[in-house]
Protein backbone atom coordinates (compact mmCIF):
# COMPACT_ATOMS: atom_id res chain seq x y z
CA MET A 1 -11.92 26.21 1.31
CA SER A 2 -12.74 23.91 4.46
CA ALA A 3 -9.42 22.22 5.45
CA PRO A 4 -9.84 17.88 4.34
CA ILE A 5 -11.32 15.52 6.18
CA VAL A 6 -8.78 12.94 7.46
CA GLN A 7 -10.95 9.73 7.53
CA GLY A 8 -9.64 7.36 10.44
CA TRP A 9 -10.02 4.28 8.83
CA CYS A 10 -9.26 2.68 5.06
CA PRO A 11 -12.26 1.55 2.82
CA GLY A 12 -12.78 -2.00 2.97
CA ALA A 13 -15.01 -4.20 0.58
CA HIS A 14 -17.63 -4.90 3.20
CA ARG A 15 -17.19 -1.37 4.24
CA PRO A 16 -16.10 0.96 0.79
CA MET A 17 -15.39 4.76 1.06
CA MET A 18 -17.70 7.26 -1.19
CA SER A 19 -15.56 9.01 -3.54
CA GLY A 20 -15.85 11.37 -6.46
CA ASP A 21 -16.48 8.95 -8.69
CA GLY A 22 -18.93 6.35 -6.91
CA LEU A 23 -17.46 3.85 -4.04
CA VAL A 24 -14.20 2.45 -3.64
CA VAL A 25 -13.83 -1.30 -2.73
CA ARG A 26 -10.41 -2.54 -1.40
CA VAL A 27 -9.98 -6.07 -1.92
CA ARG A 28 -6.91 -7.66 0.21
CA PRO A 29 -5.72 -10.66 -1.78
CA ARG A 30 -4.33 -13.85 1.26
CA LEU A 31 -0.88 -13.58 1.29
CA ALA A 32 -1.02 -10.67 -1.32
CA ARG A 33 -1.38 -13.23 -4.27
CA LEU A 34 -4.05 -13.63 -6.91
CA ASP A 35 -4.42 -16.80 -8.85
CA THR A 36 -5.24 -16.96 -12.65
CA ARG A 37 -8.75 -17.27 -12.44
CA GLN A 38 -8.88 -14.35 -9.53
CA VAL A 39 -6.73 -11.81 -11.55
CA LEU A 40 -8.98 -12.65 -14.84
CA GLY A 41 -12.15 -12.16 -12.51
CA LEU A 42 -11.10 -8.61 -10.50
CA CYS A 43 -10.33 -7.26 -14.35
CA ASP A 44 -13.77 -8.26 -15.14
CA LEU A 45 -15.19 -6.59 -12.31
CA ALA A 46 -13.26 -3.12 -12.97
CA GLU A 47 -14.90 -2.94 -15.75
CA ARG A 48 -18.57 -4.24 -15.28
CA PHE A 49 -19.35 -2.34 -11.66
CA GLY A 50 -16.16 -0.07 -11.71
CA ASN A 51 -14.39 2.64 -13.91
CA GLY A 52 -12.05 -0.20 -15.50
CA THR A 53 -9.24 0.63 -13.09
CA ILE A 54 -7.70 -1.56 -10.06
CA ASP A 55 -5.35 0.83 -8.06
CA LEU A 56 -2.43 -1.21 -5.72
CA THR A 57 -2.18 0.72 -2.14
CA ASN A 58 0.92 1.41 -0.46
CA ARG A 59 -0.51 -1.62 1.87
CA ALA A 60 0.16 -3.86 -1.17
CA ASN A 61 -4.70 -4.46 -1.48
CA LEU A 62 -5.96 -3.69 -4.56
CA GLN A 63 -9.08 -0.67 -4.75
CA LEU A 64 -11.87 -0.95 -7.43
CA ARG A 65 -13.34 2.77 -7.71
CA GLY A 66 -16.34 4.01 -9.79
CA VAL A 67 -18.99 1.35 -8.39
CA ALA A 68 -22.36 2.59 -7.82
CA ILE A 69 -23.84 2.15 -3.94
CA ASP A 70 -26.67 0.11 -6.25
CA ASP A 71 -24.19 -2.52 -7.23
CA HIS A 72 -22.02 -2.85 -3.98
CA GLN A 73 -24.04 -6.11 -3.17
CA LEU A 74 -23.91 -7.64 -5.89
CA LEU A 75 -19.84 -6.95 -6.62
CA LEU A 76 -19.49 -8.46 -2.71
CA ILE A 77 -20.91 -11.74 -3.89
CA GLU A 78 -19.18 -11.63 -7.26
CA LEU A 79 -15.85 -11.29 -5.10
CA ALA A 80 -16.88 -14.09 -2.34
CA GLN A 81 -17.14 -16.24 -5.61
CA LEU A 82 -13.40 -15.41 -6.41
CA ASP A 83 -12.31 -16.09 -2.76
CA LEU A 84 -11.60 -12.48 -2.12
CA LEU A 85 -13.87 -11.91 0.56
CA ASP A 86 -13.90 -12.61 3.98
CA ALA A 87 -17.31 -13.66 5.02
CA GLU A 88 -17.12 -12.05 8.52
CA PRO A 89 -16.53 -7.77 8.31
CA GLY A 90 -14.34 -8.03 11.37
CA ILE A 91 -11.88 -9.93 10.19
CA GLU A 92 -11.93 -8.54 6.39
CA VAL A 93 -11.34 -5.18 9.36
CA ARG A 94 -8.16 -7.04 11.14
CA ARG A 95 -6.14 -8.66 8.05
CA ASN A 96 -3.87 -5.81 7.38
CA ILE A 97 -1.06 -7.73 6.76
CA LEU A 98 2.23 -7.01 4.65
CA VAL A 99 4.17 -9.86 3.24
CA SER A 100 7.59 -9.74 1.65
CA PRO A 101 6.21 -10.60 -2.17
CA LEU A 102 9.83 -12.31 -2.62
CA TYR A 103 8.76 -16.07 -0.58
CA ARG A 104 8.49 -18.99 -1.65
CA SER A 105 5.65 -21.90 -1.82
CA GLY A 106 5.44 -23.39 2.11
CA ASP A 107 8.45 -21.12 3.73
CA LEU A 108 8.88 -19.16 6.82
CA THR A 109 6.74 -16.18 5.18
CA MET A 110 3.89 -18.22 3.92
CA ARG A 111 3.96 -20.22 7.75
CA LEU A 112 3.41 -17.12 9.63
CA THR A 113 1.56 -15.27 7.50
CA GLN A 114 -1.42 -17.89 7.56
CA GLY A 115 -0.80 -18.66 10.64
CA LEU A 116 -1.58 -15.14 11.41
CA ILE A 117 -4.87 -14.99 9.46
CA ASP A 118 -6.04 -18.30 11.21
CA ARG A 119 -5.82 -16.43 14.54
CA LEU A 120 -7.15 -12.91 13.40
CA GLY A 121 -9.90 -13.46 15.99
CA GLU A 122 -7.74 -13.61 18.91
CA LEU A 123 -6.74 -10.33 18.44
CA PRO A 124 -7.61 -7.20 20.99
CA SER A 125 -9.64 -4.37 19.68
CA LEU A 126 -7.24 -2.81 17.56
CA PRO A 127 -7.63 0.64 15.67
CA ALA A 128 -8.65 0.12 12.19
CA LYS A 129 -5.07 1.34 10.55
CA PHE A 130 -3.47 -1.28 12.86
CA GLY A 131 -1.23 -3.68 10.65
CA PHE A 132 1.70 -6.25 10.80
CA ALA A 133 4.25 -7.29 8.36
CA ILE A 134 5.51 -10.61 7.81
CA ASP A 135 9.20 -9.72 6.49
CA THR A 136 11.36 -12.85 7.05
CA GLY A 137 13.13 -13.16 3.55
CA PRO A 138 16.49 -13.17 3.51
CA GLU A 139 16.78 -9.49 3.63
CA ARG A 140 14.13 -6.80 4.96
CA LEU A 141 12.30 -5.15 2.30
CA LEU A 142 9.38 -3.83 4.24
CA ALA A 143 11.14 -1.40 6.64
CA GLY A 144 9.50 1.82 5.51
CA ASP A 145 6.35 0.64 5.08
CA SER A 146 3.56 0.84 7.57
CA ALA A 147 3.01 -1.65 10.03
CA ASP A 148 2.70 -2.03 13.42
CA ILE A 149 3.82 -4.94 14.88
CA ARG A 150 7.05 -6.60 12.59
CA LEU A 151 7.88 -10.10 12.27
CA GLU A 152 11.84 -10.10 10.87
CA LEU A 153 14.87 -12.20 10.50
CA ASN A 154 18.56 -11.63 11.56
CA SER A 155 21.38 -14.14 10.72
CA GLY A 156 18.51 -17.04 10.82
CA ASP A 157 16.74 -15.97 14.32
CA LEU A 158 13.37 -14.34 13.89
CA ILE A 159 12.10 -11.47 15.90
CA LEU A 160 9.79 -9.98 16.55
CA ARG A 161 9.27 -6.09 16.96
CA ALA A 162 7.57 -3.48 17.87
CA ASP A 163 7.34 -0.63 15.31
CA GLY A 164 9.39 2.36 16.48
CA ALA A 165 11.83 0.04 18.46
CA GLU A 166 15.16 -0.04 17.27
CA THR A 167 15.16 -3.46 18.67
CA GLY A 168 12.92 -6.26 18.71
CA ARG A 169 12.75 -9.81 20.56
CA ARG A 170 13.70 -13.41 19.63
CA VAL A 171 11.19 -15.81 19.44
CA ALA A 172 10.41 -19.35 18.02
CA GLU A 173 8.67 -20.17 15.07
CA GLU A 174 6.22 -21.88 17.40
CA GLU A 175 5.64 -19.50 19.69
CA ALA A 176 5.57 -16.39 17.05
CA ILE A 177 2.10 -15.67 16.88
CA ASP A 178 1.18 -16.34 20.63
CA LYS A 179 3.85 -13.37 20.89
CA LEU A 180 2.65 -11.33 18.53
CA ILE A 181 -0.90 -11.35 19.85
CA ALA A 182 0.36 -10.45 23.43
CA LEU A 183 2.03 -7.71 22.08
CA ALA A 184 -0.83 -6.28 20.47
CA GLY A 185 -2.68 -6.79 23.91
CA TRP A 186 0.19 -5.04 25.23
CA PHE A 187 -0.60 -2.19 22.62
CA SER A 188 -4.38 -2.54 22.92
CA LYS A 189 -4.11 -1.83 26.90
CA ASN A 190 -1.84 1.21 26.80
CA SER A 191 -2.91 3.22 23.48
CA SER A 192 -5.14 6.07 23.51
CA THR A 193 -6.50 8.28 21.03
CA ASP A 194 -3.42 10.39 20.66
CA ALA A 195 -1.25 7.53 19.97
CA ARG A 196 -3.05 5.24 17.92
CA ARG A 197 -0.45 3.49 15.80
CA MET A 198 2.30 1.32 17.66
CA ALA A 199 5.29 4.11 16.64
CA ARG A 200 3.64 7.00 18.44
CA LEU A 201 2.97 4.86 21.41
CA VAL A 202 6.34 3.57 21.57
CA ALA A 203 7.72 7.12 21.70
CA SER A 204 5.89 8.32 24.27
CA GLN A 205 6.06 5.34 26.93
CA ASN A 206 9.23 3.00 27.97
CA LEU A 207 8.42 -0.43 25.68
CA PRO A 208 9.20 -2.93 28.13
CA GLN A 209 12.20 -4.40 28.15
CA ASP A 210 10.72 -8.39 27.00
CA TRP A 211 10.20 -6.90 23.62
CA GLN A 212 13.15 -5.47 23.51
CA GLY A 213 17.38 -5.99 23.37
CA ASP A 214 17.37 -8.31 19.92
CA GLU A 215 19.05 -6.44 16.38
CA THR A 216 17.50 -7.18 12.93
CA GLY A 217 18.96 -8.08 9.84
CA PRO A 218 20.02 -5.92 7.24
CA VAL A 219 17.12 -3.36 4.73
CA GLY A 220 17.63 -5.06 0.97
CA ALA A 221 17.74 -3.37 -2.05
CA ALA A 222 14.45 -2.32 -3.12
CA LEU A 223 12.60 -4.26 -5.63
CA CYS A 224 12.47 -2.88 -9.45
CA PRO A 225 10.95 -3.90 -12.71
CA GLY A 226 12.26 -6.37 -14.06
CA ALA A 227 13.22 -10.29 -13.94
CA CYS A 228 13.41 -11.97 -10.39
CA ASP A 229 13.50 -15.51 -9.87
CA GLN A 230 9.86 -16.00 -8.98
CA GLY A 231 8.93 -14.39 -12.27
CA VAL A 232 8.82 -10.58 -13.68
CA VAL A 233 7.74 -7.34 -12.03
CA TYR A 234 6.21 -4.74 -13.25
CA GLY A 235 5.53 -1.22 -12.82
CA ALA A 236 2.07 0.97 -12.69
CA ALA A 237 2.03 4.73 -12.87
CA PHE A 238 0.43 6.25 -9.84
CA GLY A 239 -0.57 2.96 -8.77
CA GLN A 240 -3.14 2.36 -11.53
CA LEU A 241 -4.08 -0.62 -13.75
CA HIS A 242 -5.87 -0.25 -16.43
CA ALA A 243 -8.01 -3.93 -16.82
CA PRO A 244 -7.72 -4.40 -20.39
CA SER A 245 -4.26 -3.72 -20.07
CA LEU A 246 -3.74 -5.96 -17.28
CA ARG A 247 -5.78 -8.87 -18.68
CA SER A 248 -3.73 -8.50 -21.80
CA LEU A 249 -0.02 -8.58 -19.52
CA PHE A 250 -1.29 -11.64 -17.64
CA ASP A 251 -1.74 -13.46 -21.06
CA ASN A 252 0.91 -12.59 -22.88
CA THR A 253 3.74 -13.17 -20.21
CA GLY A 254 1.86 -16.65 -19.31
CA ALA A 255 1.99 -16.19 -15.74
CA SER A 256 0.10 -18.69 -13.49
CA ALA A 257 -0.54 -15.65 -10.34
CA LEU A 258 0.31 -12.16 -9.54
CA ARG A 259 1.70 -10.73 -6.41
CA VAL A 260 0.90 -7.57 -5.02
CA THR A 261 3.49 -5.17 -2.97
CA PRO A 262 3.30 -1.37 -1.62
CA TRP A 263 5.40 0.13 -3.89
CA ARG A 264 3.73 0.22 -7.44
CA LEU A 265 4.64 -2.91 -8.67
CA ILE A 266 3.36 -6.40 -9.45
CA LEU A 267 5.12 -9.46 -9.63
CA LEU A 268 3.79 -12.15 -12.29
CA GLU A 269 4.99 -15.53 -11.03
CA GLY A 270 6.53 -17.06 -13.74
CA GLY A 271 6.01 -14.80 -16.35
CA ALA A 272 7.78 -14.05 -18.87
CA ALA A 273 9.63 -10.20 -19.75
CA ILE A 274 7.83 -8.83 -22.27
CA SER A 275 7.48 -5.33 -24.13
CA ALA A 276 4.47 -3.42 -22.52
CA PRO A 277 4.36 0.06 -22.91
CA ASP A 278 1.19 0.47 -20.39
CA PHE A 279 3.64 -0.58 -17.55
CA VAL A 280 6.83 0.32 -16.45
CA THR A 281 9.62 -1.64 -17.33
CA ASP A 282 12.56 0.33 -16.60
CA GLY A 283 13.62 1.07 -12.56
CA THR A 284 15.01 4.67 -13.53
CA ASP A 285 11.75 5.90 -15.20
CA PRO A 286 10.95 8.98 -13.16
CA LEU A 287 7.46 7.60 -13.47
CA MET A 288 8.73 5.14 -10.39
CA THR A 289 9.47 8.40 -7.73
CA THR A 290 6.39 10.31 -8.77
CA ASP A 291 3.31 10.17 -6.67
CA ALA A 292 -0.44 11.79 -7.55
CA CYS A 293 -3.82 10.78 -5.82
CA PRO A 294 -6.62 10.51 -8.19
CA GLY A 295 -7.47 14.58 -8.20
CA THR A 296 -10.69 15.90 -9.27
CA PRO A 297 -13.18 14.69 -10.15
CA PHE A 298 -12.67 11.24 -8.08
CA CYS A 299 -11.87 12.58 -5.04
CA PRO A 300 -14.53 14.91 -3.34
CA GLN A 301 -11.94 16.77 -1.06
CA ALA A 302 -8.99 17.67 -4.59
CA GLN A 303 -9.01 20.74 -5.49
CA VAL A 304 -6.92 20.02 -8.73
CA GLU A 305 -5.95 18.03 -11.14
CA THR A 306 -3.35 15.86 -10.56
CA ARG A 307 -1.80 13.36 -12.75
CA ASP A 308 -1.65 14.72 -16.08
CA ILE A 309 0.60 17.49 -14.68
CA ALA A 310 2.66 14.85 -13.04
CA ARG A 311 3.23 12.93 -16.04
CA ALA A 312 4.60 16.07 -17.62
CA LEU A 313 6.86 17.52 -14.83
CA ALA A 314 8.06 13.91 -13.90
CA PRO A 315 10.75 13.75 -15.95
CA ARG A 316 11.77 17.88 -15.02
CA VAL A 317 12.17 16.81 -11.20
CA GLY A 318 15.73 15.71 -10.17
CA GLY A 319 14.24 13.72 -7.73
CA SER A 320 10.62 12.67 -5.85
CA LEU A 321 7.67 14.38 -7.58
CA HIS A 322 4.02 14.16 -5.24
CA VAL A 323 1.26 15.87 -6.74
CA SER A 324 -1.38 16.41 -3.97
CA GLY A 325 -4.82 17.30 -4.64
CA CYS A 326 -5.44 18.75 -1.57
CA ALA A 327 -2.98 18.96 2.10
CA LYS A 328 -3.91 15.51 3.69
CA GLY A 329 -1.15 13.92 1.06
CA CYS A 330 -3.00 10.67 0.86
CA ALA A 331 -0.55 9.25 -2.00
CA ARG A 332 2.69 9.97 -0.09
CA MET A 333 2.97 10.34 3.60
CA GLY A 334 6.64 10.66 3.44
CA PRO A 335 8.41 14.01 2.30
CA ALA A 336 9.45 14.46 -1.29
CA ASP A 337 12.25 16.42 -3.36
CA VAL A 338 9.13 18.51 -4.46
CA THR A 339 5.72 18.09 -3.51
CA LEU A 340 2.54 20.29 -5.52
CA VAL A 341 -0.39 20.54 -3.17
CA GLY A 342 -3.82 21.80 -4.71
CA LYS A 343 -5.48 24.93 -3.81
CA ALA A 344 -8.68 27.04 -5.33
CA GLY A 345 -7.30 25.32 -8.78
CA ARG A 346 -3.86 26.11 -8.29
CA PHE A 347 -0.49 24.88 -6.38
CA ASN A 348 1.10 25.54 -3.34
CA LEU A 349 4.96 24.42 -3.75
CA VAL A 350 6.80 22.53 -1.03
CA LYS A 351 10.41 21.71 -1.56
CA ARG A 352 11.73 18.16 0.40
CA GLY A 353 8.79 18.29 2.46
CA ARG A 354 5.23 16.43 2.85
CA ALA A 355 1.66 17.91 2.02
CA GLY A 356 0.81 19.66 4.77
CA ASP A 357 4.02 21.46 5.44
CA GLU A 358 4.75 25.52 4.63
CA PRO A 359 5.10 26.05 1.40
CA CYS A 360 8.06 27.92 -0.10
CA GLN A 361 5.43 29.59 -3.20
CA SER A 362 1.62 29.33 -3.64
CA GLY A 363 -0.64 30.32 -5.95
CA LEU A 364 0.89 28.62 -8.82
CA ASP A 365 -0.64 27.55 -12.08
CA ALA A 366 -0.05 24.36 -14.60
CA ASN A 367 1.89 26.51 -17.03
CA THR A 368 3.71 28.63 -15.13
CA LEU A 369 5.27 25.04 -13.34
CA MET A 370 6.17 23.50 -16.69
CA THR A 371 8.67 26.75 -16.93
CA MET A 372 10.23 26.83 -13.13
CA ASP A 373 13.22 25.44 -12.51
CA LEU A 374 12.01 22.65 -9.90
CA THR A 375 15.51 21.11 -9.38
């Protein structure tokens, strides 16, 4: 079996990616937020053009799967009518912006994010996966999530930080986007085929002292399912939302909008906490620490079915579980306590590692895994 193919880009709306069940079309909601019309409209599009599901990505985007090639252009027209599509494909590619989800209307996070969106056209040429994090709440929530340039707070001071550097540079709000663009320019000038992300470049080349020296603030507690000041948070097993269930949840909670997070959680603005068996409502549910890619037959590179066995094994693993259809490990880039990697219809077992690491056992079938001690 050949090695899995690592794509150098992520799917978008204008440039989707072919998968085992059709096109994967990624939607990047502005400020990671969809209003009522957009939520209900996207549910409708998932059922009309896709396989009836909406995936949450680890960059706080949404994906429709199973879209037929012949339907792609019509889908784009519908997304544009929902204001979920950039008219310019080049701007869509650059709009890789993570936003701390607990922002309030008109606050610093919103102002900085909108300021960056308005000036995306001024950015230099950057790799397709290059991204930004606006993490300017009272505590940092995005420190563990993928981003190359970060705006953070420390005791009220705004800090611009290159990913991979321990400290950043204090900036005023009115100059923050200017300085962010300048830091992106430094990266663009110094990056190479071996250093296409900021952390890798910082590790291999000295970051100028002008961009260092100011500490960032503390990391906050992880967001969990349950009530919060902005509404209520629900979890989605494997980051998959079934369109009819999402529509029903949105209607029954009385929410006014939906915010997407990078953590397989959705925040319903102004929504009520209700019984929702199709969603994760308990932060201790083992599915919240279980990752599994779509697997076969949905991904052409997957070599096993993943999600049924992940559901079955999740309660039996004392920590984090990752079930990957192949060695790429798309569902979880970091290590897990237990990682299962598909190979030729069976599984390789990696303890406290990543999907591409050397397995401690190989050729395991599902029945064997169900009887093993995986702790």
